[in-house]
Amino acid sequence: MTFKELLDSVSYDEVERQIRKMYNYPETGNLGWYRMHFDMLRLLTPKHDDDANDDVCHITMKDWDDGSGPHLDAYPMEGDLWEHSLTKEIIIAPDVKATNEEIAACCLWHTSFYGFTEEDWDERFRCYDIGIDFMDRWDDDVYFEKSANRNFAIIRENGGEIPIVKDLSPKRKKHLLYKLKESRWYGSYLSGKVKLRCAFKKNLAERYYRRMTDISNFIVKAIPAINDKANDNYLKTEDLCNLFQSELFYSEELTSFADEGTSGAKYLLNLILIYEMLPHFDRVVYILTTGKPIEEAMSEDILALEHGICGSCKSADVIYATDPSLGRQIRINYATFDSRYPLLR
């Protein structure tokens, strides 16, 4: 039996119960990402990869590293393209007494921990061409500065403005300095005012570029949709640049993996409501991507999804985008943030 055949033989609800039981997730713990991962794997077409670590996966009993007792183990089921993982033959050791649901839960735990699609490769391994040496991509100082500056150039080309540290709002600047002082690791290793000042500036720059990279990544994703006249979006790049002045910021991507009988919008709405997938911030802006222009794709399910995303936020803004490769699925890239002001002022 392959991993794909194993997933097709079980229901997610029972697998989720086993995940909670086997890995001590509380009843209120958020397992929405497991749900998405399970459904994504079910829809993927298995594809062999010659560079994979193995063609089989061994299911055995293994002690936890802390010595707390034996547990199911699936090896190797990490570090491969998920399309290949689906092709792996499941080999169960003679002493293993487990149901298909328990084995599926174990495999799912491992693949969700470390695995990817070909599309994820560049982001996961920082392989974007941003003008840095191959080994420097793991130097956070270099990587985030280069990434931010690459995004800044795109944003400026589209009418946006980028604030430097001194241009940030007093509250945002105060929070940035507070977080920096809170983690004064360098004070134990360096002596002298000059060295401390240099270390302080270096770490301030790293925190600035890391945050600016997170925010500018979202803005850059939105720019093609803003420039696409077909969806008639009201937000402009300059409006999104107000995100740089937000107090708290968090962004994420949610994609539907609905089966034939469910719309992508209804899938995501259920995911958001059941698993509370959206964090509770004051405001939200999101890119809603459909397979057809929004005038053609709009439906009661999409309207309900938009209402579910807005929730009790003080303000909510939407940017419509089109990606024909999605078909009937829907993708949401959202940014939640705390700010005294909405994006449109």
Protein backbone atom coordinates (compact mmCIF):
# COMPACT_ATOMS: atom_id res chain seq x y z
CA MET A 1 0.00 0.00 0.00
CA THR A 2 1.37 3.43 -0.96
CA PHE A 3 0.98 6.56 1.13
CA LYS A 4 -1.55 7.85 -1.43
CA GLU A 5 -3.61 4.67 -1.10
CA LEU A 6 -3.41 4.94 2.69
CA LEU A 7 -4.78 8.51 2.66
CA ASP A 8 -7.60 7.50 0.31
CA SER A 9 -8.64 4.74 2.75
CA VAL A 10 -9.23 7.01 5.78
CA SER A 11 -11.32 10.04 6.75
CA TYR A 12 -9.69 13.20 8.07
CA ASP A 13 -11.93 13.43 11.15
CA GLU A 14 -10.63 10.10 12.46
CA VAL A 15 -7.04 10.99 11.54
CA GLU A 16 -7.40 14.27 13.47
CA ARG A 17 -8.58 12.36 16.55
CA GLN A 18 -5.48 10.20 16.32
CA ILE A 19 -3.19 13.23 15.90
CA ARG A 20 -4.63 14.78 19.07
CA LYS A 21 -4.22 11.52 20.93
CA MET A 22 -0.76 10.54 19.67
CA TYR A 23 0.86 13.98 19.84
CA ASN A 24 -0.99 15.42 22.85
CA TYR A 25 -2.80 18.23 21.07
CA PRO A 26 -5.47 19.79 23.33
CA GLU A 27 -9.08 19.73 22.17
CA THR A 28 -8.87 23.46 21.51
CA GLY A 29 -5.57 23.17 19.64
CA ASN A 30 -5.61 24.44 16.07
CA LEU A 31 -5.34 21.58 13.60
CA GLY A 32 -6.58 23.53 10.60
CA TRP A 33 -3.17 23.33 8.93
CA TYR A 34 -3.28 19.53 9.22
CA ARG A 35 -6.68 19.61 7.54
CA MET A 36 -5.30 21.65 4.64
CA HIS A 37 -2.25 19.41 4.38
CA PHE A 38 -4.37 16.23 4.32
CA ASP A 39 -6.70 17.59 1.64
CA MET A 40 -3.81 18.92 -0.44
CA LEU A 41 -2.11 15.51 -0.44
CA ARG A 42 -5.37 13.83 -1.42
CA LEU A 43 -5.62 16.09 -4.51
CA LEU A 44 -1.96 15.81 -5.57
CA THR A 45 -0.98 13.37 -8.30
CA PRO A 46 1.79 10.99 -7.12
CA LYS A 47 5.02 11.52 -9.03
CA HIS A 48 8.31 9.69 -8.57
CA ASP A 49 11.42 11.79 -7.88
CA ASP A 50 14.81 10.22 -8.64
CA ASP A 51 16.48 12.52 -6.09
CA ALA A 52 14.23 11.45 -3.20
CA ASN A 53 15.68 9.89 -0.04
CA ASP A 54 13.84 6.57 -0.52
CA ASP A 55 10.98 4.81 -2.30
CA VAL A 56 9.59 3.16 0.84
CA CYS A 57 8.57 4.30 4.31
CA HIS A 58 9.07 2.00 7.31
CA ILE A 59 6.47 2.10 10.10
CA THR A 60 8.08 1.01 13.38
CA MET A 61 7.81 1.50 17.12
CA LYS A 62 10.41 3.89 18.50
CA ASP A 63 11.10 5.48 21.88
CA TRP A 64 10.71 9.22 22.22
CA ASP A 65 13.99 11.05 22.69
CA ASP A 66 12.97 12.01 26.24
CA GLY A 67 12.43 8.35 27.14
CA SER A 68 8.70 8.80 27.76
CA GLY A 69 7.77 5.60 25.94
CA PRO A 70 7.35 3.98 22.51
CA HIS A 71 5.47 5.65 19.68
CA LEU A 72 4.77 5.06 16.01
CA ASP A 73 7.48 6.27 13.67
CA ALA A 74 7.46 6.74 9.88
CA TYR A 75 10.89 6.83 8.27
CA PRO A 76 11.86 8.27 5.91
CA MET A 77 8.79 10.47 5.41
CA GLU A 78 10.38 13.92 5.66
CA GLY A 79 12.42 16.12 3.36
CA ASP A 80 10.94 15.01 0.03
CA LEU A 81 8.64 16.54 -2.53
CA TRP A 82 5.14 15.65 -1.37
CA GLU A 83 4.29 14.27 -4.81
CA HIS A 84 7.02 11.69 -4.31
CA SER A 85 6.04 10.95 -0.70
CA LEU A 86 2.66 9.82 -2.02
CA THR A 87 4.39 7.12 -4.10
CA LYS A 88 6.23 5.58 -1.15
CA GLU A 89 5.34 2.01 -0.25
CA ILE A 90 4.31 1.73 3.39
CA ILE A 91 6.23 -1.14 5.07
CA ILE A 92 4.82 -2.03 8.48
CA ALA A 93 7.07 -3.81 10.98
CA PRO A 94 5.70 -7.14 12.36
CA ASP A 95 5.44 -5.81 15.94
CA VAL A 96 3.35 -2.76 14.97
CA LYS A 97 -0.31 -3.07 15.91
CA ALA A 98 -1.89 0.09 14.52
CA THR A 99 -4.94 1.07 12.49
CA ASN A 100 -4.73 2.76 9.12
CA GLU A 101 -5.89 5.97 10.80
CA GLU A 102 -3.05 5.84 13.32
CA ILE A 103 -0.47 5.16 10.60
CA ALA A 104 -1.90 7.96 8.44
CA ALA A 105 -1.72 10.34 11.41
CA CYS A 106 1.92 9.42 11.97
CA CYS A 107 2.84 9.91 8.30
CA LEU A 108 0.94 13.18 8.14
CA TRP A 109 2.75 14.48 11.21
CA HIS A 110 6.09 13.79 9.51
CA THR A 111 5.24 15.15 6.03
CA SER A 112 3.75 18.35 7.49
CA PHE A 113 6.89 18.86 9.61
CA TYR A 114 9.28 18.92 6.67
CA GLY A 115 8.25 18.57 3.05
CA PHE A 116 7.37 20.75 0.08
CA THR A 117 6.14 21.14 -3.47
CA GLU A 118 8.34 22.26 -6.35
CA GLU A 119 6.70 25.69 -6.11
CA ASP A 120 7.78 25.97 -2.45
CA TRP A 121 11.41 25.21 -3.19
CA ASP A 122 12.72 28.75 -3.79
CA GLU A 123 11.05 30.17 -0.69
CA ARG A 124 11.91 27.26 1.60
CA PHE A 125 15.60 27.24 0.64
CA ARG A 126 15.96 30.96 -0.07
CA CYS A 127 16.92 30.37 -3.69
CA TYR A 128 15.52 33.64 -5.06
CA ASP A 129 17.93 35.58 -7.24
CA ILE A 130 18.42 38.64 -5.05
CA GLY A 131 22.10 39.23 -5.74
CA ILE A 132 23.73 37.32 -2.87
CA ASP A 133 26.19 34.45 -2.81
CA PHE A 134 24.77 30.96 -2.43
CA MET A 135 26.05 30.50 1.14
CA ASP A 136 25.03 34.01 2.27
CA ARG A 137 21.37 33.12 1.88
CA TRP A 138 21.41 31.70 5.43
CA ASP A 139 22.92 34.88 6.88
CA ASP A 140 19.76 36.63 8.10
CA ASP A 141 21.40 40.06 8.11
CA VAL A 142 22.28 39.76 4.42
CA TYR A 143 19.18 37.86 3.30
CA PHE A 144 16.54 40.15 4.81
CA GLU A 145 18.31 43.35 3.73
CA LYS A 146 18.63 42.11 0.14
CA SER A 147 15.06 40.76 0.11
CA ALA A 148 13.65 44.02 1.46
CA ASN A 149 15.57 46.14 -1.03
CA ARG A 150 14.44 43.94 -3.92
CA ASN A 151 10.83 44.49 -2.81
CA PHE A 152 11.39 48.21 -2.21
CA ALA A 153 12.46 48.67 -5.84
CA ILE A 154 9.25 47.01 -7.10
CA ILE A 155 7.08 49.03 -4.72
CA ARG A 156 8.68 52.34 -5.69
CA GLU A 157 8.24 51.51 -9.38
CA ASN A 158 4.51 51.21 -8.67
CA GLY A 159 4.08 54.46 -6.77
CA GLY A 160 4.77 53.38 -3.20
CA GLU A 161 7.00 55.02 -0.60
CA ILE A 162 9.26 53.19 1.86
CA PRO A 163 9.83 54.67 5.34
CA ILE A 164 13.30 54.49 6.87
CA VAL A 165 13.59 53.93 10.63
CA LYS A 166 13.34 57.62 11.52
CA ASP A 167 10.19 57.95 9.34
CA LEU A 168 8.29 55.25 11.24
CA SER A 169 5.48 56.35 13.52
CA PRO A 170 6.63 57.16 17.09
CA LYS A 171 4.71 54.17 18.46
CA ARG A 172 6.14 51.78 15.85
CA LYS A 173 9.66 53.09 16.43
CA LYS A 174 9.26 52.81 20.21
CA HIS A 175 8.09 49.20 19.89
CA LEU A 176 11.01 48.35 17.59
CA LEU A 177 13.53 49.81 20.04
CA TYR A 178 11.80 48.11 22.98
CA LYS A 179 12.02 44.67 21.35
CA LEU A 180 15.66 45.32 20.54
CA LYS A 181 16.57 46.35 24.09
CA GLU A 182 14.59 43.40 25.44
CA SER A 183 16.96 41.02 23.61
CA ARG A 184 20.29 42.66 24.46
CA TRP A 185 22.26 39.47 24.02
CA TYR A 186 25.29 41.46 22.89
CA GLY A 187 25.69 43.16 26.29
CA SER A 188 27.21 40.01 27.78
CA TYR A 189 29.84 39.67 25.09
CA LEU A 190 30.91 43.17 24.17
CA SER A 191 32.45 45.95 26.17
CA GLY A 192 32.99 49.59 25.38
CA LYS A 193 30.49 52.15 24.14
CA VAL A 194 31.67 52.00 20.53
CA LYS A 195 31.24 48.24 20.27
CA LEU A 196 27.85 48.38 21.99
CA ARG A 197 26.71 51.18 19.68
CA CYS A 198 27.79 49.22 16.60
CA ALA A 199 26.06 46.07 17.84
CA PHE A 200 22.92 48.07 18.62
CA LYS A 201 22.81 49.60 15.12
CA LYS A 202 23.46 46.20 13.50
CA ASN A 203 20.61 44.53 15.38
CA LEU A 204 18.27 47.46 14.82
CA ALA A 205 18.92 47.18 11.08
CA GLU A 206 18.28 43.42 11.15
CA ARG A 207 14.95 43.85 12.95
CA TYR A 208 13.97 46.69 10.61
CA TYR A 209 14.73 44.70 7.45
CA ARG A 210 13.10 41.51 8.76
CA ARG A 211 9.85 43.34 9.48
CA MET A 212 10.00 45.34 6.26
CA THR A 213 10.56 42.12 4.29
CA ASP A 214 7.44 40.53 5.81
CA ILE A 215 5.28 43.54 4.97
CA SER A 216 6.79 44.26 1.56
CA ASN A 217 6.38 40.59 0.53
CA PHE A 218 2.62 41.03 0.96
CA ILE A 219 2.57 44.32 -0.95
CA VAL A 220 4.58 42.84 -3.84
CA LYS A 221 2.12 39.94 -4.07
CA ALA A 222 -0.74 42.44 -4.33
CA ILE A 223 0.78 44.70 -7.01
CA PRO A 224 -0.07 42.52 -10.07
CA ALA A 225 -3.70 42.37 -8.92
CA ILE A 226 -3.79 46.13 -8.28
CA ASN A 227 -2.45 46.77 -11.79
CA ASP A 228 -4.92 44.32 -13.37
CA LYS A 229 -7.81 46.52 -14.55
CA ALA A 230 -10.08 43.48 -15.02
CA ASN A 231 -10.88 43.29 -11.29
CA ASP A 232 -11.24 47.07 -10.75
CA ASN A 233 -9.57 47.21 -7.30
CA TYR A 234 -9.87 50.42 -5.29
CA LEU A 235 -6.66 50.07 -3.24
CA LYS A 236 -3.40 51.37 -4.67
CA THR A 237 0.20 50.45 -3.88
CA GLU A 238 0.60 53.70 -1.94
CA ASP A 239 -2.35 52.71 0.28
CA LEU A 240 -0.73 49.38 1.14
CA CYS A 241 2.45 51.21 2.15
CA ASN A 242 0.52 52.38 5.24
CA LEU A 243 1.09 48.81 6.51
CA PHE A 244 4.68 49.83 7.26
CA GLN A 245 3.33 52.08 10.03
CA SER A 246 1.19 49.37 11.65
CA GLU A 247 1.92 48.32 15.23
CA LEU A 248 1.50 44.56 14.86
CA PHE A 249 1.51 42.69 11.56
CA TYR A 250 0.95 39.08 10.52
CA SER A 251 0.39 37.59 7.06
CA GLU A 252 -0.38 34.12 5.78
CA GLU A 253 -1.71 32.26 2.75
CA LEU A 254 -4.72 29.93 2.75
CA THR A 255 -5.60 27.83 -0.30
CA SER A 256 -8.69 25.71 -0.72
CA PHE A 257 -8.34 22.02 -1.52
CA ALA A 258 -12.01 21.31 -2.03
CA ASP A 259 -13.28 18.08 -3.53
CA GLU A 260 -15.66 17.96 -6.49
CA GLY A 261 -18.77 18.52 -4.37
CA THR A 262 -17.60 21.63 -2.51
CA SER A 263 -16.79 25.13 -3.71
CA GLY A 264 -13.40 26.60 -2.86
CA ALA A 265 -15.05 29.50 -1.04
CA LYS A 266 -17.16 27.23 1.16
CA TYR A 267 -14.10 25.09 1.95
CA LEU A 268 -12.12 28.10 3.17
CA LEU A 269 -15.04 29.53 5.12
CA ASN A 270 -15.50 26.24 6.99
CA LEU A 271 -11.76 26.10 7.64
CA ILE A 272 -11.72 29.64 9.03
CA LEU A 273 -14.80 29.18 11.24
CA ILE A 274 -14.12 25.67 12.57
CA TYR A 275 -10.40 26.11 13.22
CA GLU A 276 -10.29 29.88 13.80
CA MET A 277 -7.52 30.21 11.24
CA LEU A 278 -7.41 34.02 11.28
CA PRO A 279 -5.68 35.75 14.22
CA HIS A 280 -7.65 38.49 15.98
CA PHE A 281 -6.19 41.86 15.01
CA ASP A 282 -7.86 45.25 14.59
CA ARG A 283 -7.79 45.30 10.80
CA VAL A 284 -7.35 43.02 7.82
CA VAL A 285 -6.50 43.38 4.15
CA TYR A 286 -6.56 40.35 1.90
CA ILE A 287 -5.96 39.27 -1.68
CA LEU A 288 -8.78 37.00 -2.83
CA THR A 289 -7.66 35.06 -5.90
CA THR A 290 -10.13 33.14 -8.05
CA GLY A 291 -9.81 31.17 -11.28
CA LYS A 292 -11.88 33.73 -13.20
CA PRO A 293 -12.29 37.52 -12.95
CA ILE A 294 -14.30 38.34 -9.86
CA GLU A 295 -17.33 39.55 -11.86
CA GLU A 296 -17.67 36.03 -13.25
CA ALA A 297 -16.61 34.19 -10.10
CA MET A 298 -18.69 36.10 -7.53
CA SER A 299 -21.20 33.89 -5.72
CA GLU A 300 -23.07 33.62 -2.44
CA ASP A 301 -20.27 31.39 -1.13
CA ILE A 302 -17.65 34.07 -1.88
CA LEU A 303 -19.79 36.76 -0.23
CA ALA A 304 -20.13 34.54 2.85
CA LEU A 305 -16.36 33.95 2.84
CA GLU A 306 -15.70 37.70 2.70
CA HIS A 307 -18.04 38.22 5.65
CA GLY A 308 -16.24 35.45 7.57
CA ILE A 309 -12.86 37.04 6.92
CA CYS A 310 -14.00 40.49 8.05
CA GLY A 311 -15.44 39.15 11.31
CA SER A 312 -15.35 41.83 14.00
CA CYS A 313 -12.42 43.79 12.51
CA LYS A 314 -12.55 47.58 12.67
CA SER A 315 -11.83 47.67 8.94
CA ALA A 316 -11.40 45.15 6.14
CA ASP A 317 -10.14 45.72 2.61
CA VAL A 318 -10.11 43.27 -0.27
CA ILE A 319 -7.99 43.06 -3.42
CA TYR A 320 -9.34 40.76 -6.14
CA ALA A 321 -6.91 38.75 -8.26
CA THR A 322 -7.21 36.15 -11.02
CA ASP A 323 -5.17 32.98 -11.50
CA PRO A 324 -6.66 30.58 -14.10
CA SER A 325 -4.54 27.69 -12.79
CA LEU A 326 -6.70 27.64 -9.63
CA GLY A 327 -9.75 26.39 -11.49
CA ARG A 328 -12.57 26.20 -8.93
CA GLN A 329 -10.23 26.61 -5.96
CA ILE A 330 -9.62 29.90 -4.14
CA ARG A 331 -6.51 31.38 -2.56
CA ILE A 332 -6.41 34.02 0.16
CA ASN A 333 -3.31 36.00 1.09
CA TYR A 334 -4.25 37.99 4.16
CA ALA A 335 -2.49 40.54 6.34
CA THR A 336 -3.91 41.29 9.76
CA PHE A 337 -2.58 44.29 11.62
CA ASP A 338 -3.18 46.63 14.53
CA SER A 339 -3.30 50.29 13.62
CA ARG A 340 -5.08 53.43 14.74
CA TYR A 341 -5.97 54.20 11.13
CA PRO A 342 -7.38 52.15 8.24
CA LEU A 343 -5.37 51.78 5.03
CA LEU A 344 -7.52 54.33 3.20
CA ARG A 345 -7.26 57.59 5.14
